[in-house]
């Protein structure tokens, strides 16, 4: 069963069967409404499409200002409401106390956690100890010496090739010959 609005829309679209039209007219009369014919509806629709644009307000601010003034005049004068000050957790004195407590905590932690300078950490008490010294080449031997008097540790390597302090002169060096590429048998 369709509603009155659905039947009226079907009538205006020309899709309502003729046998339902008398029932629609009776229902419209009982509601106190009159039905428009489809031709009148089409003419009204074309006029609305043609002239439906509202003119632009040339002075919209004046219009809005006038409405606001009129609303203020018609509304009763409101009494100022006493608002209780909110009890916020983050007030200035409380933040200052928290800041001071944080600084004191940081200072105490600084004094207790960071170690003080002592003789065990001074450069004079530096200790170097060689635990294991070995070479991959069996011809090389490694020996460690520690001198308390000189406060030094030496690692002596025997069997290494001599490395000169100065680089040899260009006359003593021979230019490197490029290697010939390996010959492969391509079959």
Protein backbone atom coordinates (compact mmCIF):
# COMPACT_ATOMS: atom_id res chain seq x y z
CA UNK A 1 0.00 0.00 0.00
CA UNK A 2 1.47 3.30 -1.05
CA UNK A 3 1.31 6.49 1.00
CA UNK A 4 -0.53 9.61 -0.07
CA UNK A 5 2.71 11.34 -1.06
CA UNK A 6 3.78 8.41 -3.25
CA UNK A 7 0.39 8.37 -4.96
CA UNK A 8 0.45 12.16 -5.52
CA UNK A 9 3.96 11.94 -6.99
CA UNK A 10 2.83 9.11 -9.28
CA UNK A 11 -0.18 11.28 -10.37
CA UNK A 12 2.08 14.24 -11.20
CA UNK A 13 4.47 11.95 -13.11
CA UNK A 14 1.56 10.45 -15.04
CA UNK A 15 2.12 6.94 -13.67
CA UNK A 16 -0.94 6.63 -11.42
CA UNK A 17 -3.57 4.20 -12.81
CA UNK A 18 -7.00 5.79 -13.52
CA UNK A 19 -8.76 3.46 -11.05
CA UNK A 20 -6.72 4.90 -8.11
CA UNK A 21 -7.35 8.56 -9.01
CA UNK A 22 -10.78 8.87 -7.24
CA UNK A 23 -9.32 7.43 -4.02
CA UNK A 24 -6.44 9.93 -4.24
CA UNK A 25 -8.84 12.87 -4.74
CA UNK A 26 -10.98 11.80 -1.76
CA UNK A 27 -7.90 11.51 0.44
CA UNK A 28 -6.70 14.95 -0.72
CA UNK A 29 -10.10 16.50 0.14
CA UNK A 30 -10.08 14.86 3.57
CA UNK A 31 -6.66 16.39 4.21
CA UNK A 32 -7.80 19.78 3.00
CA UNK A 33 -5.45 19.76 0.01
CA UNK A 34 -6.09 20.19 -3.68
CA UNK A 35 -4.40 18.20 -6.39
CA UNK A 36 -2.61 20.01 -9.18
CA UNK A 37 -2.89 18.63 -12.69
CA UNK A 38 0.33 17.34 -14.27
CA UNK A 39 0.26 20.21 -16.83
CA UNK A 40 0.03 22.84 -14.10
CA UNK A 41 2.82 21.10 -12.19
CA UNK A 42 5.08 21.15 -15.28
CA UNK A 43 4.38 24.88 -15.86
CA UNK A 44 5.08 25.69 -12.21
CA UNK A 45 8.33 23.70 -12.32
CA UNK A 46 9.56 25.57 -15.42
CA UNK A 47 8.75 28.95 -13.82
CA UNK A 48 10.58 27.99 -10.63
CA UNK A 49 13.65 26.88 -12.59
CA UNK A 50 13.60 30.09 -14.59
CA UNK A 51 13.15 32.54 -11.69
CA UNK A 52 14.40 30.56 -8.69
CA UNK A 53 17.69 32.42 -8.23
CA UNK A 54 17.49 34.89 -5.36
CA UNK A 55 19.06 38.29 -5.92
CA UNK A 56 22.40 38.74 -4.26
CA UNK A 57 22.43 40.99 -1.22
CA UNK A 58 24.41 44.10 -1.98
CA UNK A 59 24.98 44.92 1.67
CA UNK A 60 24.83 41.64 3.59
CA UNK A 61 26.71 42.95 6.62
CA UNK A 62 24.14 45.69 7.21
CA UNK A 63 21.38 43.11 6.92
CA UNK A 64 23.04 40.76 9.44
CA UNK A 65 23.84 43.66 11.79
CA UNK A 66 20.20 44.77 11.74
CA UNK A 67 18.99 41.28 12.60
CA UNK A 68 21.48 40.96 15.46
CA UNK A 69 20.43 44.33 16.92
CA UNK A 70 16.79 43.34 16.72
CA UNK A 71 17.49 40.02 18.48
CA UNK A 72 19.38 41.83 21.25
CA UNK A 73 16.46 44.28 21.76
CA UNK A 74 13.85 41.53 21.90
CA UNK A 75 15.76 39.19 24.18
CA UNK A 76 15.56 39.79 27.93
CA UNK A 77 18.60 41.33 29.56
CA UNK A 78 20.65 38.53 30.98
CA UNK A 79 22.08 38.94 34.43
CA UNK A 80 25.78 38.21 34.68
CA UNK A 81 26.30 34.76 36.10
CA UNK A 82 28.84 34.35 38.86
CA UNK A 83 31.23 31.65 37.76
CA UNK A 84 33.15 29.96 40.51
CA UNK A 85 36.87 29.92 39.84
CA UNK A 86 37.88 26.51 38.64
CA UNK A 87 40.19 24.52 40.83
CA UNK A 88 42.72 23.60 38.21
CA UNK A 89 45.56 21.24 38.97
CA UNK A 90 48.01 23.34 36.94
CA UNK A 91 48.01 26.67 38.76
CA UNK A 92 51.14 28.84 38.78
CA UNK A 93 52.17 28.30 42.45
CA UNK A 94 51.74 24.55 42.16
CA UNK A 95 53.76 24.49 38.92
CA UNK A 96 56.52 26.50 40.63
CA UNK A 97 56.67 24.00 43.52
CA UNK A 98 56.78 21.08 41.08
CA UNK A 99 59.58 22.76 39.13
CA UNK A 100 61.61 23.34 42.29
CA UNK A 101 61.09 19.76 43.44
CA UNK A 102 62.16 18.48 40.01
CA UNK A 103 65.34 20.55 40.12
CA UNK A 104 66.16 19.31 43.64
CA UNK A 105 65.57 15.70 42.57
CA UNK A 106 67.80 16.15 39.52
CA UNK A 107 70.56 17.68 41.67
CA UNK A 108 70.40 14.84 44.21
CA UNK A 109 70.51 12.23 41.45
CA UNK A 110 73.45 14.06 39.86
CA UNK A 111 75.39 13.96 43.13
CA UNK A 112 74.63 10.32 43.87
CA UNK A 113 74.76 8.65 40.46
CA UNK A 114 77.63 10.43 38.67
CA UNK A 115 80.95 9.33 40.20
CA UNK A 116 83.35 11.83 41.64
CA UNK A 117 86.92 12.15 40.36
CA UNK A 118 89.24 9.82 42.20
CA UNK A 119 92.77 8.56 41.77
CA UNK A 120 91.59 5.31 40.20
CA UNK A 121 90.33 7.23 37.17
CA UNK A 122 93.28 9.56 36.78
CA UNK A 123 95.66 9.19 33.82
CA UNK A 124 98.56 8.41 36.21
CA UNK A 125 96.86 5.22 37.33
CA UNK A 126 96.14 4.00 33.81
CA UNK A 127 96.76 0.28 33.45
CA UNK A 128 97.34 -1.50 30.14
CA UNK A 129 97.49 -5.23 30.19
CA UNK A 130 98.00 -7.55 27.25
CA UNK A 131 96.05 -10.73 27.84
CA UNK A 132 96.98 -12.71 24.74
CA UNK A 133 99.33 -11.91 21.89
CA UNK A 134 99.70 -14.32 19.01
CA UNK A 135 100.18 -14.03 15.27
CA UNK A 136 98.65 -16.06 12.48
CA UNK A 137 102.09 -16.56 10.91
CA UNK A 138 104.09 -19.27 12.78
CA UNK A 139 107.36 -17.42 12.01
CA UNK A 140 106.24 -14.41 14.09
CA UNK A 141 106.45 -14.45 17.87
CA UNK A 142 104.83 -11.90 20.18
CA UNK A 143 106.20 -10.88 23.58
CA UNK A 144 104.73 -8.31 25.99
CA UNK A 145 106.81 -6.18 28.40
CA UNK A 146 105.55 -3.86 31.11
CA UNK A 147 107.71 -1.29 32.84
CA UNK A 148 106.40 0.07 36.16
CA UNK A 149 109.14 2.71 36.25
CA UNK A 150 108.34 4.11 32.79
CA UNK A 151 104.65 3.27 33.12
CA UNK A 152 104.43 1.74 29.67
CA UNK A 153 103.61 -1.54 28.01
CA UNK A 154 105.46 -2.77 24.91
CA UNK A 155 104.44 -5.51 22.50
CA UNK A 156 107.53 -6.92 20.76
CA UNK A 157 106.96 -8.82 17.49
CA UNK A 158 109.87 -10.98 16.25
CA UNK A 159 110.00 -12.43 12.76
CA UNK A 160 108.28 -9.65 10.84
CA UNK A 161 109.84 -8.31 7.63
CA UNK A 162 111.71 -5.04 7.99
CA UNK A 163 109.72 -1.97 6.89
CA UNK A 164 111.99 0.96 6.02
CA UNK A 165 111.30 4.38 7.49
CA UNK A 166 111.69 6.19 4.20
CA UNK A 167 110.16 5.19 0.97
CA UNK A 168 112.78 4.03 -1.60
CA UNK A 169 113.91 6.41 -4.34
CA UNK A 170 112.23 6.13 -7.74
CA UNK A 171 115.43 4.65 -9.24
CA UNK A 172 115.27 1.72 -6.83
CA UNK A 173 111.68 0.85 -7.59
CA UNK A 174 110.71 -1.15 -10.62
CA UNK A 175 107.46 -0.39 -12.42
CA UNK A 176 104.80 -2.97 -12.01
CA UNK A 177 104.28 -5.13 -15.06
CA UNK A 178 100.65 -5.81 -15.87
CA UNK A 179 99.70 -9.43 -15.64
CA UNK A 180 98.70 -11.15 -18.80
CA UNK A 181 95.16 -12.44 -18.73
CA UNK A 182 94.85 -16.14 -18.18
CA UNK A 183 94.32 -18.02 -21.38
CA UNK A 184 91.27 -20.18 -21.43
CA UNK A 185 90.51 -22.86 -23.91
CA UNK A 186 87.14 -21.92 -25.40
CA UNK A 187 85.61 -24.91 -27.09
